[in-house]
Amino acid sequence: DLAEKTSIKELATIKQDGGPFPLKILFDNNIDDFKGDIEDTV
């Protein structure tokens, strides 16, 4: 759902076991613009 809302398809691939995820993807996609969407999901 977050991947769809933010158009950051890589969010759907985050590993809950703490696997690696390149934060650069979040920076490049202005993740801060989606703080409200993420708060709503939480």
Full PDB file with SEQRES, HELIX, SHEET, SSBOND, CRYST1, ORIGX, SCALE, CONECT and MASTER records, all heavy atoms in Angstrom:
SEQRES   1 A   42  ASP LEU ALA GLU LYS THR SER ILE LYS GLU LEU ALA THR          
SEQRES   2 A   42  ILE LYS GLN ASP GLY GLY PRO PHE PRO LEU LYS ILE LEU          
SEQRES   3 A   42  PHE ASP ASN ASN ILE ASP ASP PHE LYS GLY ASP ILE GLU          
SEQRES   4 A   42  ASP THR VAL                                                  
HELIX    1 AA1 LEU A    2  THR A    6  1                                   5    
HELIX    2 AA2 LYS A    9  THR A   13  5                                   5    
HELIX    3 AA3 LEU A   23  ASP A   28  1                                   6    
HELIX    4 AA4 ILE A   31  PHE A   34  5                                   4    
HELIX    5 AA5 LYS A   35  THR A   41  1                                   7    
CRYST1    1.000    1.000    1.000  90.00  90.00  90.00 P 1           1          
ORIGX1      1.000000  0.000000  0.000000        0.00000                         
ORIGX2      0.000000  1.000000  0.000000        0.00000                         
ORIGX3      0.000000  0.000000  1.000000        0.00000                         
SCALE1      1.000000  0.000000  0.000000        0.00000                         
SCALE2      0.000000  1.000000  0.000000        0.00000                         
SCALE3      0.000000  0.000000  1.000000        0.00000                         
ATOM      1  N   ASP A   1       0.832  -1.199   0.000  1.00  0.00           N  
ATOM      2  CA  ASP A   1       0.000   0.000   0.000  1.00  0.00           C  
ATOM      3  C   ASP A   1       0.872   1.258   0.000  1.00  0.00           C  
ATOM      4  O   ASP A   1       0.619   2.203  -0.753  1.00  0.00           O  
ATOM      5  CB  ASP A   1      -0.932  -0.017   1.213  1.00  0.00           C  
ATOM      6  CG  ASP A   1      -1.894   1.159   1.224  1.00  0.00           C  
ATOM      7  OD1 ASP A   1      -2.517   1.421   0.175  1.00  0.00           O  
ATOM      8  OD2 ASP A   1      -2.027   1.814   2.277  1.00  0.00           O  
ATOM      9  N   LEU A   2       1.902   1.277   0.842  1.00  0.00           N  
ATOM     10  CA  LEU A   2       2.814   2.423   0.871  1.00  0.00           C  
ATOM     11  C   LEU A   2       3.548   2.594  -0.459  1.00  0.00           C  
ATOM     12  O   LEU A   2       3.736   3.712  -0.926  1.00  0.00           O  
ATOM     13  CB  LEU A   2       3.831   2.276   1.999  1.00  0.00           C  
ATOM     14  CG  LEU A   2       3.339   2.573   3.399  1.00  0.00           C  
ATOM     15  CD1 LEU A   2       4.409   2.242   4.424  1.00  0.00           C  
ATOM     16  CD2 LEU A   2       2.922   4.034   3.518  1.00  0.00           C  
ATOM     17  N   ALA A   3       3.950   1.488  -1.044  1.00  0.00           N  
ATOM     18  CA  ALA A   3       4.637   1.552  -2.337  1.00  0.00           C  
ATOM     19  C   ALA A   3       3.734   2.185  -3.394  1.00  0.00           C  
ATOM     20  O   ALA A   3       4.174   2.994  -4.207  1.00  0.00           O  
ATOM     21  CB  ALA A   3       5.082   0.152  -2.768  1.00  0.00           C  
ATOM     22  N   GLU A   4       2.459   1.835  -3.340  1.00  0.00           N  
ATOM     23  CA  GLU A   4       1.499   2.393  -4.296  1.00  0.00           C  
ATOM     24  C   GLU A   4       1.250   3.881  -4.027  1.00  0.00           C  
ATOM     25  O   GLU A   4       1.263   4.697  -4.945  1.00  0.00           O  
ATOM     26  CB  GLU A   4       0.187   1.619  -4.216  1.00  0.00           C  
ATOM     27  CG  GLU A   4      -0.820   2.019  -5.273  1.00  0.00           C  
ATOM     28  CD  GLU A   4      -2.088   1.186  -5.173  1.00  0.00           C  
ATOM     29  OE1 GLU A   4      -1.992  -0.044  -5.001  1.00  0.00           O  
ATOM     30  OE2 GLU A   4      -3.174   1.786  -5.260  1.00  0.00           O  
ATOM     31  N   LYS A   5       1.035   4.243  -2.756  1.00  0.00           N  
ATOM     32  CA  LYS A   5       0.764   5.642  -2.402  1.00  0.00           C  
ATOM     33  C   LYS A   5       1.926   6.568  -2.741  1.00  0.00           C  
ATOM     34  O   LYS A   5       1.719   7.701  -3.148  1.00  0.00           O  
ATOM     35  CB  LYS A   5       0.464   5.770  -0.905  1.00  0.00           C  
ATOM     36  CG  LYS A   5      -0.888   5.311  -0.486  1.00  0.00           C  
ATOM     37  CD  LYS A   5      -1.063   5.502   1.010  1.00  0.00           C  
ATOM     38  CE  LYS A   5      -2.404   5.011   1.486  1.00  0.00           C  
ATOM     39  NZ  LYS A   5      -2.530   5.129   2.951  1.00  0.00           N  
ATOM     40  N   THR A   6       3.138   6.080  -2.524  1.00  0.00           N  
ATOM     41  CA  THR A   6       4.317   6.924  -2.705  1.00  0.00           C  
ATOM     42  C   THR A   6       4.940   6.798  -4.091  1.00  0.00           C  
ATOM     43  O   THR A   6       5.822   7.569  -4.440  1.00  0.00           O  
ATOM     44  CB  THR A   6       5.404   6.573  -1.672  1.00  0.00           C  
ATOM     45  OG1 THR A   6       5.826   5.224  -1.879  1.00  0.00           O  
ATOM     46  CG2 THR A   6       4.911   6.766  -0.254  1.00  0.00           C  
ATOM     47  N   SER A   7       4.505   5.819  -4.867  1.00  0.00           N  
ATOM     48  CA  SER A   7       5.103   5.502  -6.171  1.00  0.00           C  
ATOM     49  C   SER A   7       6.567   5.072  -6.028  1.00  0.00           C  
ATOM     50  O   SER A   7       7.357   5.211  -6.952  1.00  0.00           O  
ATOM     51  CB  SER A   7       4.992   6.678  -7.144  1.00  0.00           C  
ATOM     52  OG  SER A   7       3.650   6.994  -7.388  1.00  0.00           O  
ATOM     53  N   ILE A   8       6.917   4.568  -4.856  1.00  0.00           N  
ATOM     54  CA  ILE A   8       8.264   4.031  -4.623  1.00  0.00           C  
ATOM     55  C   ILE A   8       8.110   2.514  -4.537  1.00  0.00           C  
ATOM     56  O   ILE A   8       7.877   1.955  -3.469  1.00  0.00           O  
ATOM     57  CB  ILE A   8       8.896   4.599  -3.330  1.00  0.00           C  
ATOM     58  CG1 ILE A   8       8.906   6.126  -3.356  1.00  0.00           C  
ATOM     59  CG2 ILE A   8      10.314   4.051  -3.149  1.00  0.00           C  
ATOM     60  CD1 ILE A   8       9.347   6.763  -2.048  1.00  0.00           C  
ATOM     61  N   LYS A   9       8.186   1.867  -5.696  1.00  0.00           N  
ATOM     62  CA  LYS A   9       7.888   0.435  -5.762  1.00  0.00           C  
ATOM     63  C   LYS A   9       8.799  -0.405  -4.867  1.00  0.00           C  
ATOM     64  O   LYS A   9       8.411  -1.459  -4.388  1.00  0.00           O  
ATOM     65  CB  LYS A   9       7.931  -0.052  -7.201  1.00  0.00           C  
ATOM     66  CG  LYS A   9       9.284  -0.004  -7.860  1.00  0.00           C  
ATOM     67  CD  LYS A   9       9.210  -0.476  -9.298  1.00  0.00           C  
ATOM     68  CE  LYS A   9      10.515  -0.596 -10.006  1.00  0.00           C  
ATOM     69  NZ  LYS A   9      11.450   0.448 -10.015  1.00  0.00           N  
ATOM     70  N   GLU A  10       9.994   0.098  -4.590  1.00  0.00           N  
ATOM     71  CA  GLU A  10      10.932  -0.645  -3.759  1.00  0.00           C  
ATOM     72  C   GLU A  10      10.463  -0.803  -2.315  1.00  0.00           C  
ATOM     73  O   GLU A  10      10.926  -1.696  -1.611  1.00  0.00           O  
ATOM     74  CB  GLU A  10      12.314   0.036  -3.778  1.00  0.00           C  
ATOM     75  CG  GLU A  10      13.015  -0.023  -5.125  1.00  0.00           C  
ATOM     76  CD  GLU A  10      12.611   1.133  -6.053  1.00  0.00           C  
ATOM     77  OE1 GLU A  10      11.724   1.935  -5.687  1.00  0.00           O  
ATOM     78  OE2 GLU A  10      13.174   1.223  -7.147  1.00  0.00           O  
ATOM     79  N   LEU A  11       9.543   0.039  -1.863  1.00  0.00           N  
ATOM     80  CA  LEU A  11       9.027  -0.106  -0.497  1.00  0.00           C  
ATOM     81  C   LEU A  11       8.352  -1.460  -0.305  1.00  0.00           C  
ATOM     82  O   LEU A  11       8.369  -2.014   0.793  1.00  0.00           O  
ATOM     83  CB  LEU A  11       8.040   1.015  -0.156  1.00  0.00           C  
ATOM     84  CG  LEU A  11       8.643   2.371   0.168  1.00  0.00           C  
ATOM     85  CD1 LEU A  11       7.540   3.399   0.396  1.00  0.00           C  
ATOM     86  CD2 LEU A  11       9.531   2.289   1.389  1.00  0.00           C  
ATOM     87  N   ALA A  12       7.779  -1.978  -1.358  1.00  0.00           N  
ATOM     88  CA  ALA A  12       7.097  -3.271  -1.270  1.00  0.00           C  
ATOM     89  C   ALA A  12       8.087  -4.414  -1.056  1.00  0.00           C  
ATOM     90  O   ALA A  12       7.694  -5.512  -0.672  1.00  0.00           O  
ATOM     91  CB  ALA A  12       6.270  -3.523  -2.526  1.00  0.00           C  
ATOM     92  N   THR A  13       9.373  -4.143  -1.260  1.00  0.00           N  
ATOM     93  CA  THR A  13      10.379  -5.209  -1.139  1.00  0.00           C  
ATOM     94  C   THR A  13      11.180  -5.127   0.158  1.00  0.00           C  
ATOM     95  O   THR A  13      12.128  -5.881   0.343  1.00  0.00           O  
ATOM     96  CB  THR A  13      11.365  -5.158  -2.323  1.00  0.00           C  
ATOM     97  OG1 THR A  13      12.116  -3.940  -2.253  1.00  0.00           O  
ATOM     98  CG2 THR A  13      10.642  -5.247  -3.648  1.00  0.00           C  
ATOM     99  N   ILE A  14      10.802  -4.211   1.067  1.00  0.00           N  
ATOM    100  CA  ILE A  14      11.519  -4.113   2.340  1.00  0.00           C  
ATOM    101  C   ILE A  14      11.390  -5.436   3.082  1.00  0.00           C  
ATOM    102  O   ILE A  14      10.307  -5.994   3.194  1.00  0.00           O  
ATOM    103  CB  ILE A  14      10.967  -2.965   3.213  1.00  0.00           C  
ATOM    104  CG1 ILE A  14      11.343  -1.616   2.604  1.00  0.00           C  
ATOM    105  CG2 ILE A  14      11.494  -3.066   4.645  1.00  0.00           C  
ATOM    106  CD1 ILE A  14      10.798  -0.427   3.377  1.00  0.00           C  
ATOM    107  N   LYS A  15      12.507  -5.921   3.557  1.00  0.00           N  
ATOM    108  CA  LYS A  15      12.516  -7.174   4.306  1.00  0.00           C  
ATOM    109  C   LYS A  15      12.315  -6.871   5.778  1.00  0.00           C  
ATOM    110  O   LYS A  15      13.050  -6.109   6.370  1.00  0.00           O  
ATOM    111  CB  LYS A  15      13.853  -7.891   4.109  1.00  0.00           C  
ATOM    112  CG  LYS A  15      14.204  -8.173   2.665  1.00  0.00           C  
ATOM    113  CD  LYS A  15      13.821  -9.567   2.307  1.00  0.00           C  
ATOM    114  CE  LYS A  15      14.301  -9.977   0.944  1.00  0.00           C  
ATOM    115  NZ  LYS A  15      13.513  -9.512  -0.162  1.00  0.00           N  
ATOM    116  N   GLN A  16      11.330  -7.484   6.379  1.00  0.00           N  
ATOM    117  CA  GLN A  16      11.042  -7.256   7.795  1.00  0.00           C  
ATOM    118  C   GLN A  16      12.101  -7.857   8.707  1.00  0.00           C  
ATOM    119  O   GLN A  16      12.176  -7.521   9.873  1.00  0.00           O  
ATOM    120  CB  GLN A  16       9.660  -7.810   8.152  1.00  0.00           C  
ATOM    121  CG  GLN A  16       8.533  -7.048   7.495  1.00  0.00           C  
ATOM    122  CD  GLN A  16       8.528  -5.568   7.877  1.00  0.00           C  
ATOM    123  OE1 GLN A  16       8.697  -5.218   9.028  1.00  0.00           O  
ATOM    124  NE2 GLN A  16       8.335  -4.708   6.902  1.00  0.00           N  
ATOM    125  N   ASP A  17      12.948  -8.727   8.154  1.00  0.00           N  
ATOM    126  CA  ASP A  17      14.006  -9.318   8.977  1.00  0.00           C  
ATOM    127  C   ASP A  17      15.244  -8.429   9.016  1.00  0.00           C  
ATOM    128  O   ASP A  17      16.288  -8.828   9.518  1.00  0.00           O  
ATOM    129  CB  ASP A  17      14.364 -10.710   8.457  1.00  0.00           C  
ATOM    130  CG  ASP A  17      14.935 -10.677   7.040  1.00  0.00           C  
ATOM    131  OD1 ASP A  17      15.031  -9.586   6.442  1.00  0.00           O  
ATOM    132  OD2 ASP A  17      15.289 -11.752   6.530  1.00  0.00           O  
ATOM    133  N   GLY A  18      15.124  -7.232   8.484  1.00  0.00           N  
ATOM    134  CA  GLY A  18      16.240  -6.296   8.525  1.00  0.00           C  
ATOM    135  C   GLY A  18      17.199  -6.438   7.365  1.00  0.00           C  
ATOM    136  O   GLY A  18      18.332  -5.967   7.439  1.00  0.00           O  
ATOM    137  N   GLY A  19      16.772  -7.053   6.302  1.00  0.00           N  
ATOM    138  CA  GLY A  19      17.627  -7.174   5.128  1.00  0.00           C  
ATOM    139  C   GLY A  19      18.002  -5.806   4.588  1.00  0.00           C  
ATOM    140  O   GLY A  19      17.410  -4.793   4.948  1.00  0.00           O  
ATOM    141  N   PRO A  20      19.005  -5.746   3.719  1.00  0.00           N  
ATOM    142  CA  PRO A  20      19.483  -4.456   3.212  1.00  0.00           C  
ATOM    143  C   PRO A  20      18.441  -3.730   2.350  1.00  0.00           C  
ATOM    144  O   PRO A  20      17.687  -4.355   1.616  1.00  0.00           O  
ATOM    145  CB  PRO A  20      20.723  -4.823   2.386  1.00  0.00           C  
ATOM    146  CG  PRO A  20      20.546  -6.264   2.047  1.00  0.00           C  
ATOM    147  CD  PRO A  20      19.722  -6.874   3.149  1.00  0.00           C  
ATOM    148  N   PHE A  21      18.417  -2.428   2.500  1.00  0.00           N  
ATOM    149  CA  PHE A  21      17.545  -1.589   1.680  1.00  0.00           C  
ATOM    150  C   PHE A  21      18.279  -0.279   1.435  1.00  0.00           C  
ATOM    151  O   PHE A  21      18.685   0.391   2.398  1.00  0.00           O  
ATOM    152  CB  PHE A  21      16.221  -1.307   2.392  1.00  0.00           C  
ATOM    153  CG  PHE A  21      15.255  -0.522   1.540  1.00  0.00           C  
ATOM    154  CD1 PHE A  21      14.464  -1.172   0.607  1.00  0.00           C  
ATOM    155  CD2 PHE A  21      15.162   0.851   1.647  1.00  0.00           C  
ATOM    156  CE1 PHE A  21      13.589  -0.462  -0.192  1.00  0.00           C  
ATOM    157  CE2 PHE A  21      14.289   1.572   0.850  1.00  0.00           C  
ATOM    158  CZ  PHE A  21      13.499   0.904  -0.073  1.00  0.00           C  
ATOM    159  N   PRO A  22      18.489   0.082   0.179  1.00  0.00           N  
ATOM    160  CA  PRO A  22      19.243   1.308  -0.120  1.00  0.00           C  
ATOM    161  C   PRO A  22      18.438   2.579   0.199  1.00  0.00           C  
ATOM    162  O   PRO A  22      17.437   2.878  -0.450  1.00  0.00           O  
ATOM    163  CB  PRO A  22      19.537   1.198  -1.616  1.00  0.00           C  
ATOM    164  CG  PRO A  22      18.613   0.168  -2.146  1.00  0.00           C  
ATOM    165  CD  PRO A  22      18.119  -0.655  -0.999  1.00  0.00           C  
ATOM    166  N   LEU A  23      18.875   3.302   1.224  1.00  0.00           N  
ATOM    167  CA  LEU A  23      18.181   4.525   1.632  1.00  0.00           C  
ATOM    168  C   LEU A  23      18.206   5.591   0.544  1.00  0.00           C  
ATOM    169  O   LEU A  23      17.341   6.455   0.518  1.00  0.00           O  
ATOM    170  CB  LEU A  23      18.791   5.079   2.915  1.00  0.00           C  
ATOM    171  CG  LEU A  23      18.615   4.214   4.146  1.00  0.00           C  
ATOM    172  CD1 LEU A  23      19.283   4.863   5.343  1.00  0.00           C  
ATOM    173  CD2 LEU A  23      17.154   3.963   4.433  1.00  0.00           C  
ATOM    174  N   LYS A  24      19.172   5.505  -0.365  1.00  0.00           N  
ATOM    175  CA  LYS A  24      19.258   6.481  -1.453  1.00  0.00           C  
ATOM    176  C   LYS A  24      17.954   6.516  -2.255  1.00  0.00           C  
ATOM    177  O   LYS A  24      17.521   7.565  -2.710  1.00  0.00           O  
ATOM    178  CB  LYS A  24      20.445   6.152  -2.360  1.00  0.00           C  
ATOM    179  CG  LYS A  24      20.660   7.176  -3.468  1.00  0.00           C  
ATOM    180  CD  LYS A  24      21.911   6.860  -4.248  1.00  0.00           C  
ATOM    181  CE  LYS A  24      22.225   7.830  -5.336  1.00  0.00           C  
ATOM    182  NZ  LYS A  24      21.232   8.649  -5.912  1.00  0.00           N  
ATOM    183  N   ILE A  25      17.308   5.385  -2.373  1.00  0.00           N  
ATOM    184  CA  ILE A  25      16.028   5.314  -3.089  1.00  0.00           C  
ATOM    185  C   ILE A  25      15.011   6.240  -2.421  1.00  0.00           C  
ATOM    186  O   ILE A  25      14.274   6.960  -3.084  1.00  0.00           O  
ATOM    187  CB  ILE A  25      15.492   3.865  -3.128  1.00  0.00           C  
ATOM    188  CG1 ILE A  25      16.386   2.997  -4.002  1.00  0.00           C  
ATOM    189  CG2 ILE A  25      14.052   3.818  -3.610  1.00  0.00           C  
ATOM    190  CD1 ILE A  25      16.103   1.513  -3.895  1.00  0.00           C  
ATOM    191  N   LEU A  26      14.991   6.222  -1.087  1.00  0.00           N  
ATOM    192  CA  LEU A  26      14.045   7.060  -0.358  1.00  0.00           C  
ATOM    193  C   LEU A  26      14.386   8.539  -0.509  1.00  0.00           C  
ATOM    194  O   LEU A  26      13.507   9.371  -0.708  1.00  0.00           O  
ATOM    195  CB  LEU A  26      14.014   6.663   1.117  1.00  0.00           C  
ATOM    196  CG  LEU A  26      13.609   5.211   1.389  1.00  0.00           C  
ATOM    197  CD1 LEU A  26      13.676   4.923   2.872  1.00  0.00           C  
ATOM    198  CD2 LEU A  26      12.228   4.913   0.837  1.00  0.00           C  
ATOM    199  N   PHE A  27      15.676   8.859  -0.429  1.00  0.00           N  
ATOM    200  CA  PHE A  27      16.097  10.252  -0.625  1.00  0.00           C  
ATOM    201  C   PHE A  27      15.745  10.732  -2.033  1.00  0.00           C  
ATOM    202  O   PHE A  27      15.210  11.821  -2.212  1.00  0.00           O  
ATOM    203  CB  PHE A  27      17.603  10.412  -0.410  1.00  0.00           C  
ATOM    204  CG  PHE A  27      18.012  10.565   1.015  1.00  0.00           C  
ATOM    205  CD1 PHE A  27      18.644   9.531   1.673  1.00  0.00           C  
ATOM    206  CD2 PHE A  27      17.776  11.739   1.701  1.00  0.00           C  
ATOM    207  CE1 PHE A  27      19.041   9.665   2.995  1.00  0.00           C  
ATOM    208  CE2 PHE A  27      18.162  11.897   3.031  1.00  0.00           C  
ATOM    209  CZ  PHE A  27      18.796  10.852   3.665  1.00  0.00           C  
ATOM    210  N   ASP A  28      16.061   9.910  -3.025  1.00  0.00           N  
ATOM    211  CA  ASP A  28      15.813  10.291  -4.424  1.00  0.00           C  
ATOM    212  C   ASP A  28      14.332  10.497  -4.715  1.00  0.00           C  
ATOM    213  O   ASP A  28      13.973  11.237  -5.629  1.00  0.00           O  
ATOM    214  CB  ASP A  28      16.384   9.232  -5.379  1.00  0.00           C  
ATOM    215  CG  ASP A  28      17.896   9.214  -5.403  1.00  0.00           C  
ATOM    216  OD1 ASP A  28      18.524  10.158  -4.858  1.00  0.00           O  
ATOM    217  OD2 ASP A  28      18.469   8.242  -5.941  1.00  0.00           O  
ATOM    218  N   ASN A  29      13.475   9.840  -3.940  1.00  0.00           N  
ATOM    219  CA  ASN A  29      12.028   9.941  -4.162  1.00  0.00           C  
ATOM    220  C   ASN A  29      11.332  10.859  -3.156  1.00  0.00           C  
ATOM    221  O   ASN A  29      10.118  10.814  -3.014  1.00  0.00           O  
ATOM    222  CB  ASN A  29      11.399   8.541  -4.122  1.00  0.00           C  
ATOM    223  CG  ASN A  29      11.734   7.749  -5.355  1.00  0.00           C  
ATOM    224  OD1 ASN A  29      11.132   7.956  -6.399  1.00  0.00           O  
ATOM    225  ND2 ASN A  29      12.713   6.873  -5.264  1.00  0.00           N  
ATOM    226  N   ASN A  30      12.129  11.684  -2.479  1.00  0.00           N  
ATOM    227  CA  ASN A  30      11.576  12.667  -1.529  1.00  0.00           C  
ATOM    228  C   ASN A  30      10.605  12.031  -0.541  1.00  0.00           C  
ATOM    229  O   ASN A  30       9.459  12.445  -0.418  1.00  0.00           O  
ATOM    230  CB  ASN A  30      10.897  13.815  -2.266  1.00  0.00           C  
ATOM    231  CG  ASN A  30      11.869  14.570  -3.140  1.00  0.00           C  
ATOM    232  OD1 ASN A  30      12.993  14.844  -2.731  1.00  0.00           O  
ATOM    233  ND2 ASN A  30      11.456  14.902  -4.347  1.00  0.00           N  
ATOM    234  N   ILE A  31      11.101  11.034   0.183  1.00  0.00           N  
ATOM    235  CA  ILE A  31      10.262  10.306   1.129  1.00  0.00           C  
ATOM    236  C   ILE A  31       9.598  11.231   2.141  1.00  0.00           C  
ATOM    237  O   ILE A  31       8.506  10.948   2.632  1.00  0.00           O  
ATOM    238  CB  ILE A  31      11.062   9.176   1.828  1.00  0.00           C  
ATOM    239  CG1 ILE A  31      10.133   8.222   2.581  1.00  0.00           C  
ATOM    240  CG2 ILE A  31      12.113   9.739   2.756  1.00  0.00           C  
ATOM    241  CD1 ILE A  31       9.210   7.430   1.711  1.00  0.00           C  
ATOM    242  N   ASP A  32      10.241  12.362   2.441  1.00  0.00           N  
ATOM    243  CA  ASP A  32       9.664  13.294   3.415  1.00  0.00           C  
ATOM    244  C   ASP A  32       8.313  13.833   2.977  1.00  0.00           C  
ATOM    245  O   ASP A  32       7.490  14.208   3.797  1.00  0.00           O  
ATOM    246  CB  ASP A  32      10.633  14.444   3.711  1.00  0.00           C  
ATOM    247  CG  ASP A  32      11.137  15.131   2.467  1.00  0.00           C  
ATOM    248  OD1 ASP A  32      11.721  14.445   1.597  1.00  0.00           O  
ATOM    249  OD2 ASP A  32      10.956  16.355   2.349  1.00  0.00           O  
ATOM    250  N   ASP A  33       8.066  13.850   1.667  1.00  0.00           N  
ATOM    251  CA  ASP A  33       6.765  14.303   1.153  1.00  0.00           C  
ATOM    252  C   ASP A  33       5.631  13.349   1.536  1.00  0.00           C  
ATOM    253  O   ASP A  33       4.457  13.710   1.458  1.00  0.00           O  
ATOM    254  CB  ASP A  33       6.800  14.426  -0.375  1.00  0.00           C  
ATOM    255  CG  ASP A  33       7.690  15.558  -0.860  1.00  0.00           C  
ATOM    256  OD1 ASP A  33       8.028  16.452  -0.054  1.00  0.00           O  
ATOM    257  OD2 ASP A  33       8.057  15.549  -2.054  1.00  0.00           O  
ATOM    258  N   PHE A  34       5.990  12.132   1.944  1.00  0.00           N  
ATOM    259  CA  PHE A  34       4.985  11.101   2.216  1.00  0.00           C  
ATOM    260  C   PHE A  34       4.878  10.750   3.696  1.00  0.00           C  
ATOM    261  O   PHE A  34       4.290   9.734   4.062  1.00  0.00           O  
ATOM    262  CB  PHE A  34       5.305   9.839   1.409  1.00  0.00           C  
ATOM    263  CG  PHE A  34       5.377  10.101  -0.071  1.00  0.00           C  
ATOM    264  CD1 PHE A  34       6.600  10.195  -0.709  1.00  0.00           C  
ATOM    265  CD2 PHE A  34       4.219  10.293  -0.806  1.00  0.00           C  
ATOM    266  CE1 PHE A  34       6.670  10.455  -2.072  1.00  0.00           C  
ATOM    267  CE2 PHE A  34       4.281  10.552  -2.162  1.00  0.00           C  
ATOM    268  CZ  PHE A  34       5.507  10.632  -2.792  1.00  0.00           C  
ATOM    269  N   LYS A  35       5.438  11.586   4.560  1.00  0.00           N  
ATOM    270  CA  LYS A  35       5.411  11.302   6.004  1.00  0.00           C  
ATOM    271  C   LYS A  35       3.977  11.081   6.485  1.00  0.00           C  
ATOM    272  O   LYS A  35       3.709  10.158   7.246  1.00  0.00           O  
ATOM    273  CB  LYS A  35       6.068  12.436   6.784  1.00  0.00           C  
ATOM    274  CG  LYS A  35       6.118  12.162   8.275  1.00  0.00           C  
ATOM    275  CD  LYS A  35       6.753  13.298   9.044  1.00  0.00           C  
ATOM    276  CE  LYS A  35       6.701  12.995  10.524  1.00  0.00           C  
ATOM    277  NZ  LYS A  35       6.877  14.179  11.334  1.00  0.00           N  
ATOM    278  N   GLY A  36       3.047  11.908   6.039  1.00  0.00           N  
ATOM    279  CA  GLY A  36       1.653  11.775   6.450  1.00  0.00           C  
ATOM    280  C   GLY A  36       1.059  10.434   6.057  1.00  0.00           C  
ATOM    281  O   GLY A  36       0.348   9.800   6.853  1.00  0.00           O  
ATOM    282  N   ASP A  37       1.344   9.973   4.835  1.00  0.00           N  
ATOM    283  CA  ASP A  37       0.842   8.670   4.383  1.00  0.00           C  
ATOM    284  C   ASP A  37       1.404   7.541   5.239  1.00  0.00           C  
ATOM    285  O   ASP A  37       0.694   6.598   5.583  1.00  0.00           O  
ATOM    286  CB  ASP A  37       1.223   8.424   2.915  1.00  0.00           C  
ATOM    287  CG  ASP A  37       0.504   9.359   1.961  1.00  0.00           C  
ATOM    288  OD1 ASP A  37      -0.709   9.586   2.157  1.00  0.00           O  
ATOM    289  OD2 ASP A  37       1.146   9.868   1.030  1.00  0.00           O  
ATOM    290  N   ILE A  38       2.673   7.656   5.587  1.00  0.00           N  
ATOM    291  CA  ILE A  38       3.304   6.618   6.400  1.00  0.00           C  
ATOM    292  C   ILE A  38       2.739   6.646   7.817  1.00  0.00           C  
ATOM    293  O   ILE A  38       2.442   5.597   8.396  1.00  0.00           O  
ATOM    294  CB  ILE A  38       4.834   6.772   6.377  1.00  0.00           C  
ATOM    295  CG1 ILE A  38       5.340   6.574   4.936  1.00  0.00           C  
ATOM    296  CG2 ILE A  38       5.503   5.775   7.319  1.00  0.00           C  
ATOM    297  CD1 ILE A  38       6.779   6.947   4.711  1.00  0.00           C  
ATOM    298  N   GLU A  39       2.534   7.847   8.362  1.00  0.00           N  
ATOM    299  CA  GLU A  39       1.912   7.963   9.690  1.00  0.00           C  
ATOM    300  C   GLU A  39       0.518   7.352   9.689  1.00  0.00           C  
ATOM    301  O   GLU A  39       0.143   6.649  10.637  1.00  0.00           O  
ATOM    302  CB  GLU A  39       1.827   9.432  10.107  1.00  0.00           C  
ATOM    303  CG  GLU A  39       3.142  10.043  10.520  1.00  0.00           C  
ATOM    304  CD  GLU A  39       3.054  11.533  10.777  1.00  0.00           C  
ATOM    305  OE1 GLU A  39       2.242  12.233  10.126  1.00  0.00           O  
ATOM    306  OE2 GLU A  39       3.819  12.016  11.629  1.00  0.00           O  
ATOM    307  N   ASP A  40      -0.246   7.595   8.629  1.00  0.00           N  
ATOM    308  CA  ASP A  40      -1.597   7.019   8.534  1.00  0.00           C  
ATOM    309  C   ASP A  40      -1.531   5.489   8.533  1.00  0.00           C  
ATOM    310  O   ASP A  40      -2.349   4.830   9.176  1.00  0.00           O  
ATOM    311  CB  ASP A  40      -2.303   7.495   7.261  1.00  0.00           C  
ATOM    312  CG  ASP A  40      -2.657   8.975   7.298  1.00  0.00           C  
ATOM    313  OD1 ASP A  40      -2.590   9.589   8.387  1.00  0.00           O  
ATOM    314  OD2 ASP A  40      -2.976   9.525   6.217  1.00  0.00           O  
ATOM    315  N   THR A  41      -0.566   4.931   7.813  1.00  0.00           N  
ATOM    316  CA  THR A  41      -0.429   3.479   7.747  1.00  0.00           C  
ATOM    317  C   THR A  41      -0.054   2.917   9.110  1.00  0.00           C  
ATOM    318  O   THR A  41      -0.568   1.872   9.522  1.00  0.00           O  
ATOM    319  CB  THR A  41       0.612   3.083   6.676  1.00  0.00           C  
ATOM    320  OG1 THR A  41       0.195   3.632   5.415  1.00  0.00           O  
ATOM    321  CG2 THR A  41       0.743   1.586   6.550  1.00  0.00           C  
ATOM    322  N   VAL A  42       0.835   3.592   9.830  1.00  0.00           N  
ATOM    323  CA  VAL A  42       1.209   3.159  11.176  1.00  0.00           C  
ATOM    324  C   VAL A  42      -0.023   3.192  12.078  1.00  0.00           C  
ATOM    325  O   VAL A  42      -0.283   2.249  12.834  1.00  0.00           O  
ATOM    326  CB  VAL A  42       2.335   4.031  11.765  1.00  0.00           C  
ATOM    327  CG1 VAL A  42       2.534   3.753  13.249  1.00  0.00           C  
ATOM    328  CG2 VAL A  42       3.640   3.803  11.002  1.00  0.00           C  
TER     329      VAL A  42                                                      
MASTER        0    0    0    5    0    0    0    6  328    1    0    4          
END                                                                             
